[in-house]
């Protein structure tokens, strides 16, 4: 018996034709593999772009962090200088080198006129430098050209150095 095909203009015929095309595309898709993913080359290009952007960000952010550290040091040194000047006005002299900056927080032992020491001290607590170390205090000042030096040894904690390792103090 001959196979009967519905006429092309009937609805049933159009549906059968559509389904046969869909099944052919599904079969072709299974043979070729799934084309919906990313290739290895595309993924590598994206990773390279992300790496370049990260490098640009790091190059621009690190100097800003160094600048922020230097700004904090300058602010701390200015506050310590102010407190030391108030101490000098009250006590008629700067704290001795062996008393150090701690004399701004608590009255040192052996003051000749302890009643002149300000109640509560001249500063609540001593700040640490941006790298977590205490500031240095020398009397008389050697580098500032003034009566005293207040400084930090920089990121490396060693005298001298350049960039982030440079000593920063009240001399410049």
C-alpha atoms as a PDB file:
ATOM      1  CA  UNK A   1       0.000   0.000   0.000  1.00  0.00           C
ATOM      2  CA  UNK A   2       1.437   3.308  -0.986  1.00  0.00           C
ATOM      3  CA  UNK A   3       2.256   5.722   1.731  1.00  0.00           C
ATOM      4  CA  UNK A   4      -0.068   8.582   1.833  1.00  0.00           C
ATOM      5  CA  UNK A   5       1.259  12.040   2.585  1.00  0.00           C
ATOM      6  CA  UNK A   6      -1.042  14.776   3.621  1.00  0.00           C
ATOM      7  CA  UNK A   7      -1.245  17.748   1.333  1.00  0.00           C
ATOM      8  CA  UNK A   8       1.297  20.523   2.061  1.00  0.00           C
ATOM      9  CA  UNK A   9      -1.285  23.130   2.773  1.00  0.00           C
ATOM     10  CA  UNK A  10      -2.977  21.201   5.560  1.00  0.00           C
ATOM     11  CA  UNK A  11      -2.169  21.924   9.177  1.00  0.00           C
ATOM     12  CA  UNK A  12      -1.250  18.340   9.872  1.00  0.00           C
ATOM     13  CA  UNK A  13       1.236  18.357   7.003  1.00  0.00           C
ATOM     14  CA  UNK A  14       2.946  21.512   8.209  1.00  0.00           C
ATOM     15  CA  UNK A  15       3.305  20.057  11.721  1.00  0.00           C
ATOM     16  CA  UNK A  16       4.867  16.849  10.407  1.00  0.00           C
ATOM     17  CA  UNK A  17       7.284  18.812   8.239  1.00  0.00           C
ATOM     18  CA  UNK A  18       8.280  21.019  11.243  1.00  0.00           C
ATOM     19  CA  UNK A  19       8.828  17.993  13.503  1.00  0.00           C
ATOM     20  CA  UNK A  20      10.978  16.238  10.933  1.00  0.00           C
ATOM     21  CA  UNK A  21      13.198  19.347  10.598  1.00  0.00           C
ATOM     22  CA  UNK A  22      13.507  19.686  14.393  1.00  0.00           C
ATOM     23  CA  UNK A  23      14.508  16.017  14.737  1.00  0.00           C
ATOM     24  CA  UNK A  24      17.111  16.428  11.964  1.00  0.00           C
ATOM     25  CA  UNK A  25      18.618  19.467  13.762  1.00  0.00           C
ATOM     26  CA  UNK A  26      18.714  17.540  17.055  1.00  0.00           C
ATOM     27  CA  UNK A  27      20.460  14.642  15.371  1.00  0.00           C
ATOM     28  CA  UNK A  28      22.991  16.971  13.710  1.00  0.00           C
ATOM     29  CA  UNK A  29      23.604  18.715  17.048  1.00  0.00           C
ATOM     30  CA  UNK A  30      24.349  15.392  18.755  1.00  0.00           C
ATOM     31  CA  UNK A  31      26.869  14.472  16.061  1.00  0.00           C
ATOM     32  CA  UNK A  32      28.686  17.855  16.161  1.00  0.00           C
ATOM     33  CA  UNK A  33      28.697  18.288  19.935  1.00  0.00           C
ATOM     34  CA  UNK A  34      27.221  21.132  21.923  1.00  0.00           C
ATOM     35  CA  UNK A  35      28.112  24.554  20.489  1.00  0.00           C
ATOM     36  CA  UNK A  36      26.810  26.494  23.488  1.00  0.00           C
ATOM     37  CA  UNK A  37      30.044  26.517  25.612  1.00  0.00           C
ATOM     38  CA  UNK A  38      33.252  28.583  25.489  1.00  0.00           C
ATOM     39  CA  UNK A  39      36.400  27.372  23.783  1.00  0.00           C
ATOM     40  CA  UNK A  40      39.694  27.142  25.641  1.00  0.00           C
ATOM     41  CA  UNK A  41      41.073  30.032  23.584  1.00  0.00           C
ATOM     42  CA  UNK A  42      38.156  32.260  24.568  1.00  0.00           C
ATOM     43  CA  UNK A  43      38.678  31.424  28.243  1.00  0.00           C
ATOM     44  CA  UNK A  44      42.419  32.136  27.974  1.00  0.00           C
ATOM     45  CA  UNK A  45      41.770  35.523  26.341  1.00  0.00           C
ATOM     46  CA  UNK A  46      39.404  36.471  29.177  1.00  0.00           C
ATOM     47  CA  UNK A  47      41.973  35.396  31.798  1.00  0.00           C
ATOM     48  CA  UNK A  48      44.711  37.456  30.114  1.00  0.00           C
ATOM     49  CA  UNK A  49      42.449  40.523  30.050  1.00  0.00           C
ATOM     50  CA  UNK A  50      41.588  40.080  33.740  1.00  0.00           C
ATOM     51  CA  UNK A  51      45.300  39.725  34.549  1.00  0.00           C
ATOM     52  CA  UNK A  52      46.141  42.934  32.690  1.00  0.00           C
ATOM     53  CA  UNK A  53      43.384  44.848  34.477  1.00  0.00           C
ATOM     54  CA  UNK A  54      44.547  43.528  37.869  1.00  0.00           C
ATOM     55  CA  UNK A  55      48.115  44.615  37.092  1.00  0.00           C
ATOM     56  CA  UNK A  56      46.972  48.120  36.188  1.00  0.00           C
ATOM     57  CA  UNK A  57      44.979  48.396  39.420  1.00  0.00           C
ATOM     58  CA  UNK A  58      47.892  47.184  41.577  1.00  0.00           C
ATOM     59  CA  UNK A  59      50.327  49.579  39.896  1.00  0.00           C
ATOM     60  CA  UNK A  60      47.995  52.491  40.628  1.00  0.00           C
ATOM     61  CA  UNK A  61      46.966  51.493  44.174  1.00  0.00           C
ATOM     62  CA  UNK A  62      50.348  50.699  45.774  1.00  0.00           C
ATOM     63  CA  UNK A  63      51.782  54.231  45.470  1.00  0.00           C
ATOM     64  CA  UNK A  64      48.570  55.576  47.003  1.00  0.00           C
ATOM     65  CA  UNK A  65      49.062  53.293  50.031  1.00  0.00           C
ATOM     66  CA  UNK A  66      52.661  54.534  50.448  1.00  0.00           C
ATOM     67  CA  UNK A  67      51.433  58.108  50.219  1.00  0.00           C
ATOM     68  CA  UNK A  68      48.761  57.431  52.855  1.00  0.00           C
ATOM     69  CA  UNK A  69      51.400  55.994  55.216  1.00  0.00           C
ATOM     70  CA  UNK A  70      53.614  59.063  54.773  1.00  0.00           C
ATOM     71  CA  UNK A  71      50.625  61.343  55.412  1.00  0.00           C
ATOM     72  CA  UNK A  72      49.795  59.450  58.636  1.00  0.00           C
ATOM     73  CA  UNK A  73      53.394  59.819  59.814  1.00  0.00           C
ATOM     74  CA  UNK A  74      53.363  63.569  59.166  1.00  0.00           C
ATOM     75  CA  UNK A  75      50.079  63.955  61.072  1.00  0.00           C
ATOM     76  CA  UNK A  76      51.342  61.870  64.014  1.00  0.00           C
ATOM     77  CA  UNK A  77      54.644  63.762  64.144  1.00  0.00           C
ATOM     78  CA  UNK A  78      52.798  67.106  64.113  1.00  0.00           C
ATOM     79  CA  UNK A  79      50.554  65.957  66.990  1.00  0.00           C
ATOM     80  CA  UNK A  80      53.562  64.728  68.990  1.00  0.00           C
ATOM     81  CA  UNK A  81      55.435  67.982  68.352  1.00  0.00           C
ATOM     82  CA  UNK A  82      52.442  69.952  69.589  1.00  0.00           C
ATOM     83  CA  UNK A  83      52.181  67.824  72.733  1.00  0.00           C
ATOM     84  CA  UNK A  84      55.923  68.172  73.341  1.00  0.00           C
ATOM     85  CA  UNK A  85      55.679  71.944  72.995  1.00  0.00           C
ATOM     86  CA  UNK A  86      52.844  72.045  75.560  1.00  0.00           C
ATOM     87  CA  UNK A  87      54.960  69.892  77.883  1.00  0.00           C
ATOM     88  CA  UNK A  88      57.895  72.284  77.412  1.00  0.00           C
ATOM     89  CA  UNK A  89      55.743  75.303  78.225  1.00  0.00           C
ATOM     90  CA  UNK A  90      54.460  73.688  81.436  1.00  0.00           C
ATOM     91  CA  UNK A  91      57.669  72.017  82.592  1.00  0.00           C
ATOM     92  CA  UNK A  92      60.175  74.580  81.211  1.00  0.00           C
ATOM     93  CA  UNK A  93      62.038  71.847  79.308  1.00  0.00           C
ATOM     94  CA  UNK A  94      61.396  68.973  76.891  1.00  0.00           C
ATOM     95  CA  UNK A  95      61.308  65.446  78.324  1.00  0.00           C
ATOM     96  CA  UNK A  96      64.786  63.958  78.574  1.00  0.00           C
ATOM     97  CA  UNK A  97      65.743  61.388  75.939  1.00  0.00           C
ATOM     98  CA  UNK A  98      65.593  58.543  78.467  1.00  0.00           C
ATOM     99  CA  UNK A  99      62.043  59.596  79.464  1.00  0.00           C
ATOM    100  CA  UNK A 100      61.055  59.518  75.823  1.00  0.00           C
ATOM    101  CA  UNK A 101      57.616  60.180  74.411  1.00  0.00           C
ATOM    102  CA  UNK A 102      56.023  58.218  77.261  1.00  0.00           C
ATOM    103  CA  UNK A 103      56.445  61.407  79.332  1.00  0.00           C
ATOM    104  CA  UNK A 104      53.555  62.834  77.305  1.00  0.00           C
ATOM    105  CA  UNK A 105      51.182  60.120  78.572  1.00  0.00           C
ATOM    106  CA  UNK A 106      52.251  59.691  82.199  1.00  0.00           C
ATOM    107  CA  UNK A 107      54.297  61.930  84.457  1.00  0.00           C
ATOM    108  CA  UNK A 108      57.907  60.785  84.561  1.00  0.00           C
ATOM    109  CA  UNK A 109      59.407  59.923  87.938  1.00  0.00           C
ATOM    110  CA  UNK A 110      61.665  62.509  89.494  1.00  0.00           C
ATOM    111  CA  UNK A 111      60.032  65.674  88.146  1.00  0.00           C
ATOM    112  CA  UNK A 112      61.294  68.751  89.983  1.00  0.00           C
ATOM    113  CA  UNK A 113      57.828  70.342  89.906  1.00  0.00           C
ATOM    114  CA  UNK A 114      55.274  67.503  89.524  1.00  0.00           C
ATOM    115  CA  UNK A 115      52.364  69.898  90.236  1.00  0.00           C
ATOM    116  CA  UNK A 116      53.049  71.560  86.874  1.00  0.00           C
ATOM    117  CA  UNK A 117      52.468  68.305  84.965  1.00  0.00           C
ATOM    118  CA  UNK A 118      49.059  68.470  83.259  1.00  0.00           C
ATOM    119  CA  UNK A 119      46.379  66.232  84.785  1.00  0.00           C
ATOM    120  CA  UNK A 120      45.699  63.388  82.321  1.00  0.00           C
ATOM    121  CA  UNK A 121      48.917  63.952  80.399  1.00  0.00           C
ATOM    122  CA  UNK A 122      49.504  65.752  77.132  1.00  0.00           C
ATOM    123  CA  UNK A 123      48.268  63.005  74.865  1.00  0.00           C
ATOM    124  CA  UNK A 124      45.939  60.059  75.631  1.00  0.00           C
ATOM    125  CA  UNK A 125      48.119  57.386  74.110  1.00  0.00           C
ATOM    126  CA  UNK A 126      51.178  57.278  71.925  1.00  0.00           C
ATOM    127  CA  UNK A 127      50.416  56.494  68.293  1.00  0.00           C
ATOM    128  CA  UNK A 128      52.312  53.767  66.466  1.00  0.00           C
ATOM    129  CA  UNK A 129      53.720  54.418  63.029  1.00  0.00           C
ATOM    130  CA  UNK A 130      51.816  52.910  60.051  1.00  0.00           C
ATOM    131  CA  UNK A 131      53.951  49.762  60.326  1.00  0.00           C
ATOM    132  CA  UNK A 132      53.027  49.137  63.969  1.00  0.00           C
ATOM    133  CA  UNK A 133      56.233  50.385  65.628  1.00  0.00           C
ATOM    134  CA  UNK A 134      56.648  53.240  68.133  1.00  0.00           C
ATOM    135  CA  UNK A 135      58.009  56.591  67.011  1.00  0.00           C
ATOM    136  CA  UNK A 136      61.590  57.552  67.897  1.00  0.00           C
ATOM    137  CA  UNK A 137      62.449  60.637  69.942  1.00  0.00           C
ATOM    138  CA  UNK A 138      65.907  62.157  70.248  1.00  0.00           C
ATOM    139  CA  UNK A 139      66.985  65.183  72.223  1.00  0.00           C
ATOM    140  CA  UNK A 140      68.802  67.218  71.051  1.00  0.00           C
ATOM    141  CA  UNK A 141      67.655  66.970  67.447  1.00  0.00           C
ATOM    142  CA  UNK A 142      70.311  65.891  64.991  1.00  0.00           C
ATOM    143  CA  UNK A 143      68.465  65.800  61.680  1.00  0.00           C
ATOM    144  CA  UNK A 144      65.737  68.422  62.046  1.00  0.00           C
ATOM    145  CA  UNK A 145      68.020  71.296  62.939  1.00  0.00           C
ATOM    146  CA  UNK A 146      65.669  71.943  65.846  1.00  0.00           C
ATOM    147  CA  UNK A 147      65.747  71.063  69.529  1.00  0.00           C
ATOM    148  CA  UNK A 148      64.415  67.499  69.000  1.00  0.00           C
ATOM    149  CA  UNK A 149      63.725  64.811  66.411  1.00  0.00           C
ATOM    150  CA  UNK A 150      60.581  62.693  66.144  1.00  0.00           C
ATOM    151  CA  UNK A 151      60.694  60.063  63.414  1.00  0.00           C
ATOM    152  CA  UNK A 152      59.935  56.586  62.144  1.00  0.00           C
ATOM    153  CA  UNK A 153      62.392  54.289  60.396  1.00  0.00           C
ATOM    154  CA  UNK A 154      59.977  53.457  57.569  1.00  0.00           C
ATOM    155  CA  UNK A 155      58.542  50.143  56.453  1.00  0.00           C
ATOM    156  CA  UNK A 156      61.760  48.161  56.935  1.00  0.00           C
ATOM    157  CA  UNK A 157      62.443  49.466  60.462  1.00  0.00           C
ATOM    158  CA  UNK A 158      66.079  50.171  59.544  1.00  0.00           C
ATOM    159  CA  UNK A 159      67.821  53.553  59.452  1.00  0.00           C
ATOM    160  CA  UNK A 160      68.025  55.145  56.013  1.00  0.00           C
ATOM    161  CA  UNK A 161      66.349  53.662  52.982  1.00  0.00           C
ATOM    162  CA  UNK A 162      64.352  54.962  50.064  1.00  0.00           C
ATOM    163  CA  UNK A 163      60.685  55.107  49.031  1.00  0.00           C
ATOM    164  CA  UNK A 164      58.563  53.236  51.619  1.00  0.00           C
ATOM    165  CA  UNK A 165      61.687  52.308  53.611  1.00  0.00           C
ATOM    166  CA  UNK A 166      62.808  55.937  54.024  1.00  0.00           C
ATOM    167  CA  UNK A 167      62.974  57.532  57.457  1.00  0.00           C
ATOM    168  CA  UNK A 168      60.218  60.119  57.908  1.00  0.00           C
ATOM    169  CA  UNK A 169      60.320  62.722  60.647  1.00  0.00           C
ATOM    170  CA  UNK A 170      59.977  66.344  61.629  1.00  0.00           C
ATOM    171  CA  UNK A 171      62.914  67.373  59.429  1.00  0.00           C
ATOM    172  CA  UNK A 172      61.138  67.654  56.146  1.00  0.00           C
END
